[in-house]
Amino acid sequence: MEQYQEKKEIENTKQSEQPQKHSSRILIVFVALFFSAVFFIFGFSVGKGQHPVSVPLDLAVVKNKHSDDKVDFKLFWDVWDLVKKKYVDHDSLKAQDMINGAINGMLSATGDPYTIFLDEKHLSALNEELNGSFEGIGAEVGIKDNILTVIAPLEDSPAQKAGLKAGDKIIEIEGQQTGELTIDEAVEKMRGKKGSELHLKIFRVVGEDTQTKDIVIVRDTIHIDSVRVDFLENDIAHVKLMQFGEDTIKEFNKVISQVKLHKSKGIILDMRNDPGGILHTAVVIASKFLPEHSIVVMEEDAQKKRTKLYTTGAHPLIDAPIVILLNEGSASASEILAGALRDNRSDVIIVGKQSFGKGSVQELIPTSAITAAKITVAKWLTPNGEQINKKGIKPDVKIEYTEDDYKNNVDPQLDKAIEIMLKKIKDKN
């Protein structure tokens, strides 16, 4: 979010401790091919439980340097040797950095911005975000239409307070054009110590007009709360889901107890600017609203094979009237939850704007004790078989939320959701 929360993802990352069978096959093929062609060739210890050794390029020993019958690695080795012999500052090069660069190049060749290699620093950053605390600006970013785009600023974050909005296109970071950066590099530039300033230039569409703005954000420690509930007039519970993290299920269960204690007659489930998170969390929360054996989401792999994920656990809210709020910053797990409730319940109404459209599945696969590869292994489909990726979830009732609304502290989207909920409660009675 500064791709992991400036974020690529916390993005529905599937933890490798419980891999699907097809994901295991992908892992076996990937690891066998890559390790035999690169890691074993260089002779470094990168197995699980061992740290890669930082070796100067001149001292690196290359083993089994030959061409495969089907994949010609000779060009790779030729360029390696050229850099070793010709590069002006070759004494400063480290073999492990060269390996990491080669891995990054291989994965970037997929054209998928969410298929990435996480070195020690980036993997640590991801773990910090999953644990709910990190230093930065508190905004999730992704690639949309090949442009670095704000998926959502986190609630009460420095990014939100500085005026950054979902849908903003980031065209410069500290004066450097983002077209020159990978998403990892962009995230790294946005992260920084508490109290330091970040200068962004953004492009924003406002109605039929466009504007370019310079935004200065003071970085801070970001603490991520997952769930919040406010009780509105007429016994309506306004439940705000900010992300699908490690503690979200526990926090959501507390909210359910509060809703029951308050005897709320309806729930407005607000997932605006919710960048998503962990798949399992989305499945469990969907299960609270749906009957047993309901399909929550389908996973479609490269062979078009579909795996259905079903509701699990208790279902305490299956009779509660629901209105969902979405906007351009609703992505990933929030889109899965919205699609699951819409497709399984005829009484669910979605209000707001079309969601982001982040519907691909990433599996986090350890490649050593301190590194990992995050590989896109499948795409999400709603229970009715609709693609989420690049399409998003369309609202039943489209309502704008303008900059003037924000400045005047009015929320026409929430107002419309309340209006719809009041009618639902009246009709139920």
Protein backbone atom coordinates (compact mmCIF):
# COMPACT_ATOMS: atom_id res chain seq x y z
CA MET A 1 0.00 0.00 0.00
CA GLU A 2 2.26 2.62 -0.65
CA GLN A 3 1.72 -0.40 -2.98
CA TYR A 4 1.41 -2.61 -0.16
CA GLN A 5 -0.09 0.35 1.45
CA GLU A 6 1.27 2.69 -1.15
CA LYS A 7 0.29 -0.64 -2.33
CA LYS A 8 0.36 -3.32 -4.73
CA GLU A 9 -1.03 -5.31 -2.67
CA ILE A 10 -1.57 -6.52 0.44
CA GLU A 11 -3.60 -7.51 -2.74
CA ASN A 12 -5.38 -10.73 -1.98
CA THR A 13 -2.02 -12.35 -1.30
CA LYS A 14 -2.46 -16.06 -0.68
CA GLN A 15 -0.08 -17.27 2.00
CA SER A 16 2.05 -20.17 0.87
CA GLU A 17 1.47 -22.25 3.98
CA GLN A 18 -1.80 -23.47 2.43
CA PRO A 19 -1.19 -23.53 -1.34
CA GLN A 20 -3.77 -24.80 -3.82
CA LYS A 21 -2.75 -27.92 -5.76
CA HIS A 22 -2.40 -26.06 -9.02
CA SER A 23 -0.33 -23.36 -7.30
CA SER A 24 1.98 -26.06 -6.00
CA ARG A 25 2.53 -27.27 -9.55
CA ILE A 26 3.35 -23.74 -10.64
CA LEU A 27 5.78 -23.45 -7.74
CA ILE A 28 7.50 -26.73 -8.63
CA VAL A 29 7.96 -25.79 -12.28
CA PHE A 30 9.05 -22.24 -11.48
CA VAL A 31 11.51 -23.22 -8.77
CA ALA A 32 12.97 -26.13 -10.73
CA LEU A 33 13.53 -24.08 -13.88
CA PHE A 34 14.72 -20.92 -12.23
CA PHE A 35 16.92 -22.42 -9.54
CA SER A 36 18.62 -24.76 -11.99
CA ALA A 37 19.14 -21.97 -14.53
CA VAL A 38 20.22 -19.19 -12.19
CA PHE A 39 20.75 -19.83 -8.49
CA PHE A 40 22.49 -23.18 -8.80
CA ILE A 41 24.50 -21.86 -11.72
CA PHE A 42 25.89 -19.06 -9.60
CA GLY A 43 26.47 -21.41 -6.70
CA PHE A 44 24.98 -19.23 -3.97
CA SER A 45 23.20 -20.44 -0.89
CA VAL A 46 19.69 -19.15 -1.22
CA GLY A 47 17.80 -22.17 0.03
CA LYS A 48 15.25 -21.75 2.74
CA GLY A 49 16.97 -21.07 6.02
CA GLN A 50 20.11 -19.61 4.40
CA HIS A 51 20.96 -16.02 3.52
CA PRO A 52 22.35 -15.10 0.10
CA VAL A 53 26.04 -14.22 0.23
CA SER A 54 27.03 -10.78 -1.08
CA VAL A 55 29.95 -11.61 -3.36
CA PRO A 56 31.85 -9.10 -5.52
CA LEU A 57 31.23 -9.75 -9.19
CA ASP A 58 34.90 -10.55 -9.90
CA LEU A 59 34.86 -13.32 -7.27
CA ALA A 60 31.61 -14.95 -8.39
CA VAL A 61 32.10 -18.48 -9.70
CA VAL A 62 29.73 -19.52 -12.47
CA LYS A 63 28.95 -23.23 -12.69
CA ASN A 64 27.23 -25.25 -15.42
CA LYS A 65 27.51 -22.38 -17.87
CA HIS A 66 25.91 -23.81 -20.99
CA SER A 67 22.87 -23.55 -23.23
CA ASP A 68 19.81 -25.67 -22.69
CA ASP A 69 18.33 -27.50 -25.67
CA LYS A 70 15.17 -25.39 -25.52
CA VAL A 71 16.16 -22.22 -23.68
CA ASP A 72 19.36 -20.50 -24.80
CA PHE A 73 21.09 -18.98 -21.77
CA LYS A 74 24.28 -18.25 -23.70
CA LEU A 75 23.21 -14.66 -24.37
CA PHE A 76 22.64 -14.15 -20.65
CA TRP A 77 26.13 -15.40 -19.81
CA ASP A 78 27.67 -13.39 -22.63
CA VAL A 79 26.17 -10.18 -21.22
CA TRP A 80 27.23 -11.19 -17.69
CA ASP A 81 30.79 -11.52 -18.90
CA LEU A 82 30.61 -8.23 -20.77
CA VAL A 83 29.51 -6.39 -17.64
CA LYS A 84 32.22 -8.12 -15.63
CA LYS A 85 34.93 -7.18 -18.14
CA LYS A 86 33.78 -3.85 -19.56
CA TYR A 87 31.59 -1.99 -17.06
CA VAL A 88 33.48 1.05 -15.81
CA ASP A 89 32.59 0.54 -12.14
CA HIS A 90 32.51 -3.25 -12.14
CA ASP A 91 34.44 -3.37 -8.82
CA SER A 92 31.36 -1.94 -7.09
CA LEU A 93 28.99 -4.59 -8.45
CA LYS A 94 27.71 -7.40 -6.24
CA ALA A 95 26.80 -10.75 -7.71
CA GLN A 96 23.63 -11.06 -5.61
CA ASP A 97 22.44 -7.65 -6.81
CA MET A 98 22.99 -8.83 -10.38
CA ILE A 99 20.94 -11.95 -9.68
CA ASN A 100 18.12 -9.94 -8.12
CA GLY A 101 18.15 -7.61 -11.10
CA ALA A 102 17.90 -10.56 -13.47
CA ILE A 103 14.94 -11.94 -11.54
CA ASN A 104 13.19 -8.59 -11.60
CA GLY A 105 13.77 -8.33 -15.33
CA MET A 106 12.37 -11.82 -15.91
CA LEU A 107 9.21 -11.11 -13.91
CA SER A 108 8.69 -7.67 -15.45
CA ALA A 109 8.70 -9.37 -18.86
CA THR A 110 5.30 -10.84 -17.95
CA GLY A 111 3.82 -7.36 -18.33
CA ASP A 112 1.94 -7.90 -15.06
CA PRO A 113 2.74 -5.20 -12.47
CA TYR A 114 1.65 -7.51 -9.64
CA THR A 115 4.09 -10.32 -10.48
CA ILE A 116 7.16 -9.19 -8.59
CA PHE A 117 10.26 -10.28 -6.70
CA LEU A 118 10.54 -9.18 -3.06
CA ASP A 119 14.04 -8.81 -1.72
CA GLU A 120 14.73 -8.64 2.01
CA LYS A 121 13.72 -4.97 2.30
CA HIS A 122 10.47 -5.23 0.32
CA LEU A 123 9.41 -8.50 1.98
CA SER A 124 9.93 -6.88 5.38
CA ALA A 125 7.78 -3.93 4.28
CA LEU A 126 4.99 -6.28 3.22
CA ASN A 127 5.09 -8.08 6.57
CA GLU A 128 4.91 -4.73 8.39
CA GLU A 129 1.77 -3.79 6.49
CA LEU A 130 0.10 -7.14 7.11
CA ASN A 131 0.79 -6.55 10.80
CA GLY A 132 -0.96 -3.18 10.53
CA SER A 133 1.79 -0.59 11.04
CA PHE A 134 4.44 1.10 8.87
CA GLU A 135 5.94 4.50 8.06
CA GLY A 136 4.87 6.32 4.92
CA ILE A 137 1.99 8.37 3.53
CA GLY A 138 -0.81 5.81 3.85
CA ALA A 139 -1.99 5.42 0.27
CA GLU A 140 -2.37 2.35 -1.87
CA VAL A 141 -1.24 2.61 -5.47
CA GLY A 142 -1.50 0.31 -8.45
CA ILE A 143 -1.15 0.39 -12.21
CA LYS A 144 -4.27 1.33 -14.17
CA ASP A 145 -4.20 2.05 -17.90
CA ASN A 146 -0.39 1.76 -17.62
CA ILE A 147 -0.24 4.75 -15.24
CA LEU A 148 0.67 4.80 -11.55
CA THR A 149 -2.72 5.43 -9.93
CA VAL A 150 -3.94 6.01 -6.39
CA ILE A 151 -6.26 3.15 -5.52
CA ALA A 152 -7.15 4.65 -2.16
CA PRO A 153 -5.75 6.86 0.57
CA LEU A 154 -6.17 5.19 3.94
CA GLU A 155 -8.62 6.64 6.43
CA ASP A 156 -7.12 9.58 8.40
CA SER A 157 -3.74 9.04 6.73
CA PRO A 158 -1.27 11.80 5.79
CA ALA A 159 -2.18 11.16 2.14
CA GLN A 160 -5.88 11.73 2.79
CA LYS A 161 -5.23 14.82 4.90
CA ALA A 162 -3.03 16.29 2.14
CA GLY A 163 -5.86 15.87 -0.37
CA LEU A 164 -4.77 12.79 -2.32
CA LYS A 165 -7.83 11.01 -3.77
CA ALA A 166 -8.75 7.67 -5.28
CA GLY A 167 -8.20 7.80 -9.03
CA ASP A 168 -5.44 10.42 -8.96
CA LYS A 169 -2.72 9.68 -11.52
CA ILE A 170 0.76 10.17 -10.05
CA ILE A 171 2.92 11.60 -12.81
CA GLU A 172 5.94 12.68 -10.74
CA ILE A 173 7.53 11.61 -7.44
CA GLU A 174 10.13 14.04 -6.14
CA GLY A 175 10.45 15.49 -9.64
CA GLN A 176 11.02 12.12 -11.32
CA GLN A 177 8.46 10.99 -13.89
CA THR A 178 6.74 7.80 -12.77
CA GLY A 179 6.85 6.38 -16.29
CA GLU A 180 10.56 5.81 -15.64
CA LEU A 181 9.85 3.77 -12.48
CA THR A 182 8.66 0.26 -11.77
CA ILE A 183 5.85 0.07 -9.24
CA ASP A 184 8.35 -1.23 -6.65
CA GLU A 185 10.61 1.74 -7.24
CA ALA A 186 7.66 4.13 -6.97
CA VAL A 187 6.59 2.59 -3.67
CA GLU A 188 10.11 2.78 -2.31
CA LYS A 189 10.34 6.49 -3.20
CA MET A 190 7.02 7.17 -1.44
CA ARG A 191 8.03 5.43 1.74
CA GLY A 192 10.21 7.24 4.26
CA LYS A 193 10.80 8.31 7.81
CA LYS A 194 8.12 9.92 9.93
CA GLY A 195 8.21 13.71 9.59
CA SER A 196 9.86 13.79 6.16
CA GLU A 197 8.13 15.39 3.19
CA LEU A 198 7.05 13.74 -0.06
CA HIS A 199 6.42 15.85 -3.18
CA LEU A 200 4.03 14.47 -5.77
CA LYS A 201 2.61 15.84 -9.00
CA ILE A 202 -0.77 14.34 -9.80
CA PHE A 203 -3.23 14.46 -12.68
CA ARG A 204 -6.90 14.50 -11.68
CA VAL A 205 -10.15 14.34 -13.61
CA VAL A 206 -12.86 16.58 -12.12
CA GLY A 207 -16.13 16.14 -13.99
CA GLU A 208 -15.36 17.13 -17.58
CA ASP A 209 -12.27 19.08 -16.54
CA THR A 210 -8.73 17.97 -15.75
CA GLN A 211 -6.14 19.49 -13.47
CA THR A 212 -2.51 18.98 -12.53
CA LYS A 213 -1.63 19.57 -8.89
CA ASP A 214 1.46 19.55 -6.73
CA ILE A 215 0.85 17.84 -3.39
CA VAL A 216 3.18 17.82 -0.39
CA ILE A 217 2.63 15.04 2.14
CA VAL A 218 4.35 14.74 5.52
CA ARG A 219 5.07 11.09 6.22
CA ASP A 220 3.98 9.53 9.50
CA THR A 221 3.61 6.18 11.22
CA ILE A 222 0.57 4.52 9.69
CA HIS A 223 -1.61 2.42 11.98
CA ILE A 224 -4.24 0.54 10.03
CA ASP A 225 -7.61 -0.04 11.68
CA SER A 226 -9.71 -2.56 9.79
CA VAL A 227 -13.28 -1.93 10.94
CA ARG A 228 -15.28 0.88 12.48
CA VAL A 229 -18.99 1.21 13.24
CA ASP A 230 -21.16 4.28 13.77
CA PHE A 231 -24.81 4.08 14.71
CA LEU A 232 -26.97 6.48 12.73
CA GLU A 233 -30.51 7.61 13.33
CA ASN A 234 -33.34 5.13 12.73
CA ASP A 235 -31.23 2.23 14.09
CA ILE A 236 -28.93 1.99 11.06
CA ALA A 237 -25.39 0.65 11.55
CA HIS A 238 -22.77 2.30 9.33
CA VAL A 239 -19.97 -0.28 9.19
CA LYS A 240 -16.76 1.02 7.60
CA LEU A 241 -14.35 -1.65 6.29
CA MET A 242 -10.93 -0.05 5.72
CA GLN A 243 -8.96 -3.17 4.73
CA PHE A 244 -8.91 -6.97 4.95
CA GLY A 245 -5.95 -7.57 7.24
CA GLU A 246 -4.75 -10.06 9.82
CA ASP A 247 -7.02 -8.72 12.60
CA THR A 248 -10.07 -7.83 10.50
CA ILE A 249 -12.08 -10.96 11.31
CA LYS A 250 -11.62 -10.45 15.05
CA GLU A 251 -12.54 -6.76 14.75
CA PHE A 252 -15.56 -7.55 12.57
CA ASN A 253 -16.84 -10.08 15.11
CA LYS A 254 -16.75 -7.32 17.76
CA VAL A 255 -18.73 -5.06 15.43
CA ILE A 256 -21.34 -7.79 14.95
CA SER A 257 -21.77 -7.98 18.73
CA GLN A 258 -22.24 -4.19 18.86
CA VAL A 259 -24.77 -4.31 16.02
CA LYS A 260 -26.73 -7.05 17.79
CA LEU A 261 -26.59 -5.22 21.12
CA HIS A 262 -27.79 -2.01 19.46
CA LYS A 263 -30.58 -3.96 17.73
CA SER A 264 -29.78 -2.29 14.43
CA LYS A 265 -32.42 -2.76 11.74
CA GLY A 266 -30.04 -2.50 8.80
CA ILE A 267 -26.34 -2.32 7.87
CA ILE A 268 -24.65 0.06 5.44
CA LEU A 269 -21.43 -1.75 4.55
CA ASP A 270 -19.04 1.01 3.49
CA MET A 271 -16.03 -0.24 1.51
CA ARG A 272 -15.14 3.02 -0.21
CA ASN A 273 -11.36 3.43 -0.44
CA ASP A 274 -10.87 -0.13 0.82
CA PRO A 275 -7.86 -1.47 -1.12
CA GLY A 276 -8.51 -5.09 -0.18
CA GLY A 277 -6.24 -7.52 1.58
CA ILE A 278 -6.25 -11.19 2.48
CA LEU A 279 -8.55 -13.54 0.57
CA HIS A 280 -9.45 -15.71 3.57
CA THR A 281 -10.63 -12.62 5.44
CA ALA A 282 -12.99 -11.70 2.60
CA VAL A 283 -14.42 -15.23 2.51
CA VAL A 284 -15.06 -15.30 6.26
CA ILE A 285 -16.73 -11.87 6.30
CA ALA A 286 -18.90 -12.77 3.31
CA SER A 287 -19.95 -15.86 5.22
CA LYS A 288 -21.45 -13.67 7.96
CA PHE A 289 -24.06 -12.42 5.47
CA LEU A 290 -24.70 -15.55 3.38
CA PRO A 291 -26.24 -18.99 3.91
CA GLU A 292 -24.16 -22.13 4.23
CA HIS A 293 -22.65 -23.57 1.01
CA SER A 294 -22.95 -20.27 -0.87
CA ILE A 295 -20.22 -19.53 -3.42
CA VAL A 296 -18.19 -16.50 -2.35
CA VAL A 297 -15.81 -16.29 -5.30
CA MET A 298 -14.37 -18.41 -8.10
CA GLU A 299 -10.70 -18.65 -8.97
CA GLU A 300 -9.85 -19.22 -12.65
CA ASP A 301 -6.33 -20.41 -13.46
CA ALA A 302 -4.29 -20.31 -16.66
CA GLN A 303 -6.02 -23.46 -17.93
CA LYS A 304 -9.45 -21.84 -17.34
CA LYS A 305 -10.10 -24.31 -14.55
CA ARG A 306 -12.41 -22.77 -11.95
CA THR A 307 -12.17 -23.42 -8.23
CA LYS A 308 -15.12 -22.35 -6.09
CA LEU A 309 -14.64 -20.98 -2.58
CA TYR A 310 -17.64 -21.42 -0.29
CA THR A 311 -18.93 -19.78 2.87
CA THR A 312 -17.56 -20.99 6.16
CA GLY A 313 -18.32 -20.61 9.86
CA ALA A 314 -21.33 -18.83 11.37
CA HIS A 315 -23.86 -16.74 9.42
CA PRO A 316 -25.30 -14.24 11.93
CA LEU A 317 -26.30 -11.51 9.43
CA ILE A 318 -28.12 -13.45 6.70
CA ASP A 319 -31.40 -11.65 7.47
CA ALA A 320 -29.96 -8.16 7.96
CA PRO A 321 -30.89 -5.61 5.25
CA ILE A 322 -27.70 -4.55 3.45
CA VAL A 323 -26.67 -1.55 1.36
CA ILE A 324 -23.08 -1.48 0.05
CA LEU A 325 -21.02 1.63 -0.67
CA LEU A 326 -18.21 1.39 -3.27
CA ASN A 327 -16.03 3.85 -5.16
CA GLU A 328 -12.96 3.96 -7.40
CA GLY A 329 -10.79 3.11 -4.38
CA SER A 330 -12.61 -0.16 -3.63
CA ALA A 331 -10.35 -2.96 -4.85
CA SER A 332 -9.42 -6.58 -4.52
CA ALA A 333 -11.02 -8.23 -1.46
CA SER A 334 -13.64 -5.47 -1.17
CA GLU A 335 -14.73 -6.23 -4.75
CA ILE A 336 -14.88 -9.93 -3.93
CA LEU A 337 -17.12 -9.25 -0.92
CA ALA A 338 -19.40 -6.88 -2.85
CA GLY A 339 -19.72 -9.35 -5.74
CA ALA A 340 -20.46 -12.23 -3.38
CA LEU A 341 -23.26 -10.39 -1.57
CA ARG A 342 -24.76 -8.99 -4.78
CA ASP A 343 -24.80 -12.34 -6.61
CA ASN A 344 -26.13 -14.37 -3.67
CA ARG A 345 -28.72 -11.95 -2.25
CA SER A 346 -31.40 -10.27 -4.34
CA ASP A 347 -31.98 -7.64 -1.63
CA VAL A 348 -28.45 -6.16 -1.76
CA ILE A 349 -28.10 -2.72 -3.39
CA ILE A 350 -24.72 -1.20 -4.29
CA VAL A 351 -24.40 2.61 -4.21
CA GLY A 352 -21.56 4.86 -5.34
CA LYS A 353 -19.06 4.53 -8.20
CA GLN A 354 -17.58 1.63 -10.17
CA SER A 355 -14.80 -0.09 -8.25
CA PHE A 356 -11.12 -0.26 -9.22
CA GLY A 357 -11.05 -3.65 -10.94
CA LYS A 358 -8.24 -5.53 -9.15
CA GLY A 359 -9.26 -9.12 -9.69
CA SER A 360 -6.06 -11.12 -10.03
CA VAL A 361 -4.71 -13.66 -7.58
CA GLN A 362 -1.18 -13.38 -6.23
CA GLU A 363 0.56 -16.22 -4.40
CA LEU A 364 3.46 -15.34 -2.13
CA ILE A 365 6.16 -18.00 -2.61
CA PRO A 366 9.31 -17.97 -0.43
CA THR A 367 12.49 -18.26 -2.50
CA SER A 368 14.85 -18.07 0.49
CA ALA A 369 14.68 -17.19 4.17
CA ILE A 370 14.55 -13.48 3.33
CA THR A 371 13.12 -13.24 -0.20
CA ALA A 372 9.95 -14.21 -2.00
CA ALA A 373 8.26 -14.08 -5.38
CA LYS A 374 4.70 -12.83 -5.67
CA ILE A 375 3.23 -14.46 -8.77
CA THR A 376 -0.15 -13.85 -10.37
CA VAL A 377 -1.57 -17.37 -10.62
CA ALA A 378 -5.25 -16.80 -11.39
CA LYS A 379 -8.11 -14.33 -11.73
CA TRP A 380 -11.18 -13.80 -9.58
CA LEU A 381 -14.73 -14.26 -10.83
CA THR A 382 -17.90 -13.38 -8.95
CA PRO A 383 -20.27 -16.26 -8.07
CA ASN A 384 -22.18 -15.54 -11.31
CA GLY A 385 -18.96 -15.88 -13.31
CA GLU A 386 -18.28 -12.20 -13.98
CA GLN A 387 -14.67 -11.02 -14.32
CA ILE A 388 -13.52 -8.50 -11.71
CA ASN A 389 -10.09 -7.78 -13.19
CA LYS A 390 -9.96 -4.47 -15.09
CA LYS A 391 -13.78 -4.28 -14.97
CA GLY A 392 -14.67 -3.80 -11.32
CA ILE A 393 -18.13 -3.89 -9.77
CA LYS A 394 -20.76 -1.52 -11.14
CA PRO A 395 -23.11 0.15 -8.65
CA ASP A 396 -26.86 -0.29 -8.89
CA VAL A 397 -27.23 3.39 -8.02
CA LYS A 398 -24.48 5.67 -9.35
CA ILE A 399 -23.82 8.71 -7.16
CA GLU A 400 -20.95 11.18 -7.52
CA TYR A 401 -18.90 12.45 -4.60
CA THR A 402 -17.28 15.69 -5.71
CA GLU A 403 -14.43 17.76 -4.36
CA ASP A 404 -16.95 20.41 -3.32
CA ASP A 405 -18.87 17.76 -1.37
CA TYR A 406 -15.64 16.86 0.42
CA LYS A 407 -14.82 20.48 1.21
CA ASN A 408 -18.37 21.14 2.46
CA ASN A 409 -18.37 18.00 4.60
CA VAL A 410 -21.36 16.44 2.85
CA ASP A 411 -21.59 12.85 1.64
CA PRO A 412 -24.27 12.33 -1.04
CA GLN A 413 -23.30 8.67 -1.44
CA LEU A 414 -23.90 7.90 2.22
CA ASP A 415 -27.07 10.01 2.17
CA LYS A 416 -28.41 7.92 -0.72
CA ALA A 417 -27.50 4.69 1.07
CA ILE A 418 -29.42 5.88 4.14
CA GLU A 419 -32.43 6.76 1.98
CA ILE A 420 -32.43 3.29 0.41
CA MET A 421 -31.98 1.60 3.80
CA LEU A 422 -34.90 3.49 5.33
CA LYS A 423 -37.11 2.24 2.51
CA LYS A 424 -35.84 -1.31 3.06
CA ILE A 425 -36.65 -1.13 6.77
CA LYS A 426 -40.09 0.31 6.07
CA ASP A 427 -40.87 -2.39 3.50
CA LYS A 428 -39.67 -5.12 5.88
CA ASN A 429 -41.95 -3.88 8.60
